[in-house]
Amino acid sequence: MGINRWLGVARRAAEAEAVKPEPLPPAYEPAWNERGERFVVLDRTARMPANCYGRYRRVGVVEVTPEVQRSGREPKMLSQRALDVRRVVKTWERLYWGSTERCAYQRALAEAEELAENLNKVALYV
């Protein structure tokens, strides 16, 4: 038996003996994701022409599906076509990502977080 094969067998044996965390009880089923959000804020890289130097971002507020709400994961795209997105509420496009809190990206991010917070408060009563 070669050394690589022996190391693989030893590693698999160690993994089998490792302590695995206990799963959550089946009764635990949160209605939303862990923070109780139905509307989430996403930010992604914006596509810009090659002659535009600097960093540009997109910010958006999206409504996610119940499966995403339970699992706590995040949609991959800021688009209506994304797998886990019900609808896109609002987007801010091509924002310069500067080094201070006064840049366009930080301002839009703050506005998006406020909008998502308000929509989540309203969604509790709908």
N, C-alpha and C. Protein backbone atom coordinates (compact mmCIF):
# COMPACT_ATOMS: atom_id res chain seq x y z
N MET A 1 0.86 -1.17 0.00
CA MET A 1 0.00 0.00 0.00
C MET A 1 0.90 1.24 0.00
N GLY A 2 0.67 2.12 -0.97
CA GLY A 2 1.48 3.32 -1.06
C GLY A 2 1.16 4.31 0.04
N ILE A 3 2.06 5.26 0.26
CA ILE A 3 1.89 6.23 1.33
C ILE A 3 0.66 7.12 1.11
N ASN A 4 0.41 7.53 -0.14
CA ASN A 4 -0.75 8.38 -0.41
C ASN A 4 -2.05 7.65 -0.12
N ARG A 5 -2.11 6.39 -0.49
CA ARG A 5 -3.32 5.62 -0.23
C ARG A 5 -3.51 5.43 1.27
N TRP A 6 -2.41 5.16 1.99
CA TRP A 6 -2.50 4.98 3.44
C TRP A 6 -2.96 6.27 4.12
N LEU A 7 -2.45 7.43 3.67
CA LEU A 7 -2.87 8.71 4.25
C LEU A 7 -4.35 8.96 3.99
N GLY A 8 -4.84 8.59 2.81
CA GLY A 8 -6.27 8.76 2.52
C GLY A 8 -7.13 7.91 3.42
N VAL A 9 -6.72 6.67 3.68
CA VAL A 9 -7.47 5.78 4.58
C VAL A 9 -7.46 6.33 5.99
N ALA A 10 -6.32 6.81 6.45
CA ALA A 10 -6.22 7.37 7.80
C ALA A 10 -7.07 8.63 7.94
N ARG A 11 -7.08 9.47 6.89
CA ARG A 11 -7.88 10.69 6.95
C ARG A 11 -9.36 10.37 7.02
N ARG A 12 -9.81 9.41 6.21
CA ARG A 12 -11.22 9.04 6.23
C ARG A 12 -11.62 8.45 7.58
N ALA A 13 -10.74 7.68 8.19
CA ALA A 13 -11.02 7.12 9.51
C ALA A 13 -11.12 8.22 10.56
N ALA A 14 -10.25 9.21 10.47
CA ALA A 14 -10.31 10.33 11.42
C ALA A 14 -11.58 11.15 11.23
N GLU A 15 -12.01 11.36 9.99
CA GLU A 15 -13.24 12.10 9.74
C GLU A 15 -14.45 11.35 10.27
N ALA A 16 -14.43 10.02 10.18
CA ALA A 16 -15.56 9.22 10.67
C ALA A 16 -15.66 9.31 12.19
N GLU A 17 -14.52 9.42 12.87
CA GLU A 17 -14.52 9.50 14.32
C GLU A 17 -14.78 10.91 14.85
N ALA A 18 -14.69 11.91 13.98
CA ALA A 18 -14.86 13.31 14.41
C ALA A 18 -16.27 13.52 14.94
N VAL A 19 -16.38 14.40 15.91
CA VAL A 19 -17.68 14.71 16.51
C VAL A 19 -18.42 15.65 15.58
N LYS A 20 -19.62 15.26 15.21
CA LYS A 20 -20.44 16.08 14.33
C LYS A 20 -21.49 16.80 15.17
N PRO A 21 -21.81 18.07 14.83
CA PRO A 21 -22.83 18.78 15.60
C PRO A 21 -24.20 18.14 15.40
N GLU A 22 -25.01 18.23 16.44
CA GLU A 22 -26.36 17.67 16.36
C GLU A 22 -27.24 18.58 15.52
N PRO A 23 -28.10 18.00 14.70
CA PRO A 23 -29.01 18.84 13.91
C PRO A 23 -30.06 19.49 14.80
N LEU A 24 -30.63 20.57 14.31
CA LEU A 24 -31.69 21.25 15.05
C LEU A 24 -32.92 20.36 15.13
N PRO A 25 -33.70 20.50 16.18
CA PRO A 25 -34.92 19.68 16.27
C PRO A 25 -35.87 20.02 15.12
N PRO A 26 -36.69 19.06 14.67
CA PRO A 26 -37.55 19.32 13.52
C PRO A 26 -38.60 20.40 13.77
N ALA A 27 -38.92 20.68 15.01
CA ALA A 27 -39.92 21.71 15.31
C ALA A 27 -39.40 23.11 15.03
N TYR A 28 -38.07 23.28 14.93
CA TYR A 28 -37.49 24.60 14.70
C TYR A 28 -37.60 24.93 13.22
N GLU A 29 -38.51 25.79 12.88
CA GLU A 29 -38.72 26.20 11.49
C GLU A 29 -39.04 27.69 11.49
N PRO A 30 -38.02 28.56 11.36
CA PRO A 30 -38.30 29.99 11.40
C PRO A 30 -39.14 30.43 10.21
N ALA A 31 -40.02 31.38 10.44
CA ALA A 31 -40.89 31.87 9.38
C ALA A 31 -40.10 32.65 8.33
N TRP A 32 -39.10 33.41 8.75
CA TRP A 32 -38.26 34.17 7.84
C TRP A 32 -36.84 33.71 8.06
N ASN A 33 -35.89 34.40 7.48
CA ASN A 33 -34.51 34.05 7.77
C ASN A 33 -34.20 34.45 9.21
N GLU A 34 -33.00 34.20 9.67
CA GLU A 34 -32.69 34.37 11.08
C GLU A 34 -32.95 35.79 11.59
N ARG A 35 -32.80 36.78 10.73
CA ARG A 35 -33.06 38.15 11.16
C ARG A 35 -34.49 38.57 10.87
N GLY A 36 -35.31 37.68 10.33
CA GLY A 36 -36.70 38.00 10.09
C GLY A 36 -36.92 38.93 8.91
N GLU A 37 -36.09 38.84 7.90
CA GLU A 37 -36.19 39.78 6.78
C GLU A 37 -36.79 39.12 5.56
N ARG A 38 -37.70 39.84 4.94
CA ARG A 38 -38.27 39.42 3.68
C ARG A 38 -37.67 40.24 2.54
N PHE A 39 -37.31 41.46 2.85
CA PHE A 39 -36.65 42.36 1.90
C PHE A 39 -35.20 42.53 2.33
N VAL A 40 -34.28 42.30 1.43
CA VAL A 40 -32.85 42.39 1.75
C VAL A 40 -32.16 43.36 0.81
N VAL A 41 -31.04 43.89 1.27
CA VAL A 41 -30.22 44.81 0.49
C VAL A 41 -29.07 44.01 -0.12
N LEU A 42 -28.89 44.15 -1.43
CA LEU A 42 -27.79 43.50 -2.14
C LEU A 42 -26.92 44.57 -2.78
N ASP A 43 -25.63 44.31 -2.84
CA ASP A 43 -24.74 45.18 -3.60
C ASP A 43 -23.82 44.31 -4.44
N ARG A 44 -23.65 44.74 -5.67
CA ARG A 44 -22.86 43.99 -6.64
C ARG A 44 -21.98 44.97 -7.42
N THR A 45 -21.03 44.42 -8.13
CA THR A 45 -20.15 45.23 -8.98
C THR A 45 -20.91 45.70 -10.21
N ALA A 46 -20.73 46.96 -10.57
CA ALA A 46 -21.39 47.51 -11.76
C ALA A 46 -20.48 47.37 -12.96
N ARG A 47 -21.08 47.13 -14.11
CA ARG A 47 -20.32 47.07 -15.37
C ARG A 47 -20.13 48.48 -15.88
N MET A 48 -18.89 48.80 -16.17
CA MET A 48 -18.55 50.14 -16.65
C MET A 48 -17.67 50.01 -17.89
N PRO A 49 -17.62 51.05 -18.72
CA PRO A 49 -16.72 51.02 -19.87
C PRO A 49 -15.26 50.95 -19.43
N ALA A 50 -14.42 50.52 -20.32
CA ALA A 50 -13.00 50.35 -19.98
C ALA A 50 -12.31 51.67 -19.67
N ASN A 51 -12.83 52.79 -20.17
CA ASN A 51 -12.16 54.07 -19.92
C ASN A 51 -12.58 54.71 -18.60
N CYS A 52 -13.46 54.08 -17.83
CA CYS A 52 -13.87 54.59 -16.51
C CYS A 52 -13.03 53.90 -15.44
N TYR A 53 -12.10 54.61 -14.86
CA TYR A 53 -11.26 54.05 -13.82
C TYR A 53 -11.96 54.21 -12.48
N GLY A 54 -11.65 53.37 -11.53
CA GLY A 54 -12.25 53.44 -10.21
C GLY A 54 -13.17 52.26 -9.99
N ARG A 55 -13.79 52.24 -8.82
CA ARG A 55 -14.67 51.15 -8.44
C ARG A 55 -16.12 51.65 -8.46
N TYR A 56 -16.97 50.94 -9.13
CA TYR A 56 -18.38 51.29 -9.23
C TYR A 56 -19.23 50.11 -8.78
N ARG A 57 -20.30 50.39 -8.05
CA ARG A 57 -21.14 49.35 -7.48
C ARG A 57 -22.61 49.60 -7.82
N ARG A 58 -23.41 48.55 -7.70
CA ARG A 58 -24.87 48.63 -7.81
C ARG A 58 -25.44 48.26 -6.44
N VAL A 59 -26.50 48.93 -6.04
CA VAL A 59 -27.18 48.64 -4.78
C VAL A 59 -28.64 48.41 -5.12
N GLY A 60 -29.27 47.46 -4.44
CA GLY A 60 -30.67 47.19 -4.70
C GLY A 60 -31.37 46.58 -3.49
N VAL A 61 -32.68 46.78 -3.44
CA VAL A 61 -33.54 46.15 -2.43
C VAL A 61 -34.38 45.14 -3.17
N VAL A 62 -34.34 43.87 -2.72
CA VAL A 62 -35.09 42.80 -3.38
C VAL A 62 -35.94 42.07 -2.36
N GLU A 63 -37.04 41.51 -2.84
CA GLU A 63 -37.87 40.62 -2.03
C GLU A 63 -37.47 39.20 -2.35
N VAL A 64 -37.16 38.41 -1.33
CA VAL A 64 -36.68 37.05 -1.54
C VAL A 64 -37.77 36.03 -1.27
N THR A 65 -37.58 34.82 -1.78
CA THR A 65 -38.55 33.73 -1.62
C THR A 65 -38.46 33.14 -0.22
N PRO A 66 -39.50 32.42 0.21
CA PRO A 66 -39.46 31.82 1.56
C PRO A 66 -38.32 30.83 1.77
N GLU A 67 -37.90 30.11 0.71
CA GLU A 67 -36.80 29.16 0.86
C GLU A 67 -35.51 29.88 1.24
N VAL A 68 -35.30 31.02 0.64
CA VAL A 68 -34.11 31.81 0.97
C VAL A 68 -34.23 32.38 2.38
N GLN A 69 -35.42 32.77 2.74
CA GLN A 69 -35.63 33.34 4.07
C GLN A 69 -35.31 32.31 5.15
N ARG A 70 -35.67 31.06 4.91
CA ARG A 70 -35.40 30.02 5.90
C ARG A 70 -33.92 29.66 5.96
N SER A 71 -33.29 29.58 4.80
CA SER A 71 -31.90 29.13 4.78
C SER A 71 -30.91 30.23 5.14
N GLY A 72 -31.29 31.50 4.94
CA GLY A 72 -30.40 32.60 5.28
C GLY A 72 -29.37 32.91 4.21
N ARG A 73 -29.43 32.24 3.06
CA ARG A 73 -28.46 32.53 2.00
C ARG A 73 -28.87 33.78 1.23
N GLU A 74 -28.05 34.18 0.31
CA GLU A 74 -28.27 35.44 -0.41
C GLU A 74 -28.37 35.15 -1.91
N PRO A 75 -29.26 35.84 -2.63
CA PRO A 75 -29.33 35.65 -4.09
C PRO A 75 -28.01 36.00 -4.76
N LYS A 76 -27.72 35.33 -5.86
CA LYS A 76 -26.45 35.52 -6.55
C LYS A 76 -26.41 36.79 -7.39
N MET A 77 -27.56 37.16 -7.98
CA MET A 77 -27.60 38.32 -8.87
C MET A 77 -28.56 39.37 -8.33
N LEU A 78 -28.33 40.59 -8.69
CA LEU A 78 -29.24 41.68 -8.40
C LEU A 78 -30.09 41.87 -9.65
N SER A 79 -31.03 40.94 -9.86
CA SER A 79 -31.81 40.92 -11.08
C SER A 79 -33.13 40.20 -10.82
N GLN A 80 -34.12 40.52 -11.63
CA GLN A 80 -35.40 39.85 -11.55
C GLN A 80 -35.26 38.38 -11.97
N ARG A 81 -34.26 38.07 -12.80
CA ARG A 81 -34.06 36.71 -13.28
C ARG A 81 -33.36 35.81 -12.27
N ALA A 82 -32.88 36.36 -11.17
CA ALA A 82 -32.16 35.56 -10.17
C ALA A 82 -33.09 34.50 -9.60
N LEU A 83 -32.50 33.39 -9.23
CA LEU A 83 -33.27 32.23 -8.81
C LEU A 83 -34.09 32.48 -7.55
N ASP A 84 -33.57 33.20 -6.60
CA ASP A 84 -34.22 33.35 -5.30
C ASP A 84 -34.93 34.69 -5.11
N VAL A 85 -35.12 35.44 -6.17
CA VAL A 85 -35.70 36.78 -6.07
C VAL A 85 -37.15 36.75 -6.56
N ARG A 86 -38.04 37.27 -5.74
CA ARG A 86 -39.43 37.44 -6.18
C ARG A 86 -39.57 38.68 -7.05
N ARG A 87 -39.05 39.79 -6.54
CA ARG A 87 -39.10 41.04 -7.30
C ARG A 87 -38.00 41.98 -6.81
N VAL A 88 -37.61 42.87 -7.69
CA VAL A 88 -36.65 43.91 -7.35
C VAL A 88 -37.45 45.16 -7.04
N VAL A 89 -37.30 45.67 -5.83
CA VAL A 89 -38.07 46.83 -5.41
C VAL A 89 -37.46 48.11 -5.97
N LYS A 90 -36.16 48.30 -5.77
CA LYS A 90 -35.50 49.52 -6.24
C LYS A 90 -34.02 49.24 -6.41
N THR A 91 -33.41 49.88 -7.41
CA THR A 91 -31.97 49.76 -7.61
C THR A 91 -31.34 51.14 -7.77
N TRP A 92 -30.09 51.20 -7.39
CA TRP A 92 -29.26 52.38 -7.61
C TRP A 92 -28.11 51.89 -8.47
N GLU A 93 -27.95 52.45 -9.63
CA GLU A 93 -26.99 51.96 -10.62
C GLU A 93 -25.73 52.82 -10.67
N ARG A 94 -24.60 52.19 -10.97
CA ARG A 94 -23.32 52.83 -11.27
C ARG A 94 -22.93 53.91 -10.26
N LEU A 95 -22.75 53.49 -9.04
CA LEU A 95 -22.38 54.40 -7.96
C LEU A 95 -20.88 54.29 -7.69
N TYR A 96 -20.22 55.44 -7.59
CA TYR A 96 -18.80 55.43 -7.32
C TYR A 96 -18.56 55.03 -5.87
N TRP A 97 -17.65 54.07 -5.67
CA TRP A 97 -17.33 53.57 -4.34
C TRP A 97 -16.07 54.27 -3.87
N GLY A 98 -16.25 55.35 -3.15
CA GLY A 98 -15.12 56.14 -2.68
C GLY A 98 -14.62 55.68 -1.33
N SER A 99 -13.76 56.48 -0.73
CA SER A 99 -13.13 56.08 0.54
C SER A 99 -13.79 56.71 1.76
N THR A 100 -14.80 57.55 1.58
CA THR A 100 -15.45 58.20 2.72
C THR A 100 -16.92 57.80 2.77
N GLU A 101 -17.56 58.21 3.84
CA GLU A 101 -18.99 57.94 4.02
C GLU A 101 -19.87 58.84 3.15
N ARG A 102 -19.26 59.84 2.51
CA ARG A 102 -20.04 60.77 1.70
C ARG A 102 -20.07 60.39 0.23
N CYS A 103 -19.48 59.26 -0.13
CA CYS A 103 -19.49 58.84 -1.53
C CYS A 103 -20.89 58.37 -1.91
N ALA A 104 -21.15 58.30 -3.18
CA ALA A 104 -22.48 57.96 -3.68
C ALA A 104 -22.90 56.55 -3.25
N TYR A 105 -21.96 55.63 -3.23
CA TYR A 105 -22.27 54.25 -2.85
C TYR A 105 -22.73 54.15 -1.40
N GLN A 106 -22.03 54.80 -0.49
CA GLN A 106 -22.39 54.74 0.93
C GLN A 106 -23.73 55.41 1.19
N ARG A 107 -23.99 56.50 0.49
CA ARG A 107 -25.28 57.18 0.65
C ARG A 107 -26.43 56.30 0.16
N ALA A 108 -26.25 55.67 -0.99
CA ALA A 108 -27.29 54.80 -1.53
C ALA A 108 -27.48 53.56 -0.66
N LEU A 109 -26.40 53.03 -0.10
CA LEU A 109 -26.48 51.88 0.77
C LEU A 109 -27.29 52.20 2.03
N ALA A 110 -27.06 53.37 2.60
CA ALA A 110 -27.82 53.80 3.78
C ALA A 110 -29.31 53.96 3.43
N GLU A 111 -29.59 54.55 2.28
CA GLU A 111 -30.97 54.73 1.85
C GLU A 111 -31.65 53.38 1.59
N ALA A 112 -30.92 52.44 1.01
CA ALA A 112 -31.47 51.11 0.73
C ALA A 112 -31.74 50.35 2.02
N GLU A 113 -30.85 50.45 3.00
CA GLU A 113 -31.06 49.77 4.28
C GLU A 113 -32.28 50.34 5.00
N GLU A 114 -32.46 51.65 4.91
CA GLU A 114 -33.64 52.28 5.51
C GLU A 114 -34.92 51.81 4.82
N LEU A 115 -34.91 51.74 3.50
CA LEU A 115 -36.07 51.27 2.75
C LEU A 115 -36.40 49.82 3.09
N ALA A 116 -35.39 48.96 3.14
CA ALA A 116 -35.60 47.55 3.47
C ALA A 116 -36.15 47.40 4.89
N GLU A 117 -35.64 48.19 5.80
CA GLU A 117 -36.13 48.13 7.18
C GLU A 117 -37.60 48.52 7.25
N ASN A 118 -37.97 49.58 6.55
CA ASN A 118 -39.37 50.00 6.55
C ASN A 118 -40.27 48.95 5.90
N LEU A 119 -39.82 48.37 4.79
CA LEU A 119 -40.62 47.34 4.12
C LEU A 119 -40.76 46.10 4.98
N ASN A 120 -39.73 45.73 5.74
CA ASN A 120 -39.82 44.57 6.62
C ASN A 120 -40.77 44.82 7.77
N LYS A 121 -40.83 46.06 8.26
CA LYS A 121 -41.79 46.39 9.32
C LYS A 121 -43.22 46.27 8.80
N VAL A 122 -43.46 46.76 7.60
CA VAL A 122 -44.79 46.69 6.99
C VAL A 122 -45.14 45.24 6.67
N ALA A 123 -44.16 44.45 6.22
CA ALA A 123 -44.41 43.06 5.83
C ALA A 123 -44.86 42.20 6.99
N LEU A 124 -44.53 42.58 8.22
CA LEU A 124 -44.98 41.81 9.37
C LEU A 124 -46.49 41.87 9.53
N TYR A 125 -47.11 42.93 9.06
CA TYR A 125 -48.55 43.12 9.24
C TYR A 125 -49.35 42.72 8.01
N VAL A 126 -48.67 42.31 6.94
CA VAL A 126 -49.39 41.95 5.70
C VAL A 126 -49.62 40.46 5.66
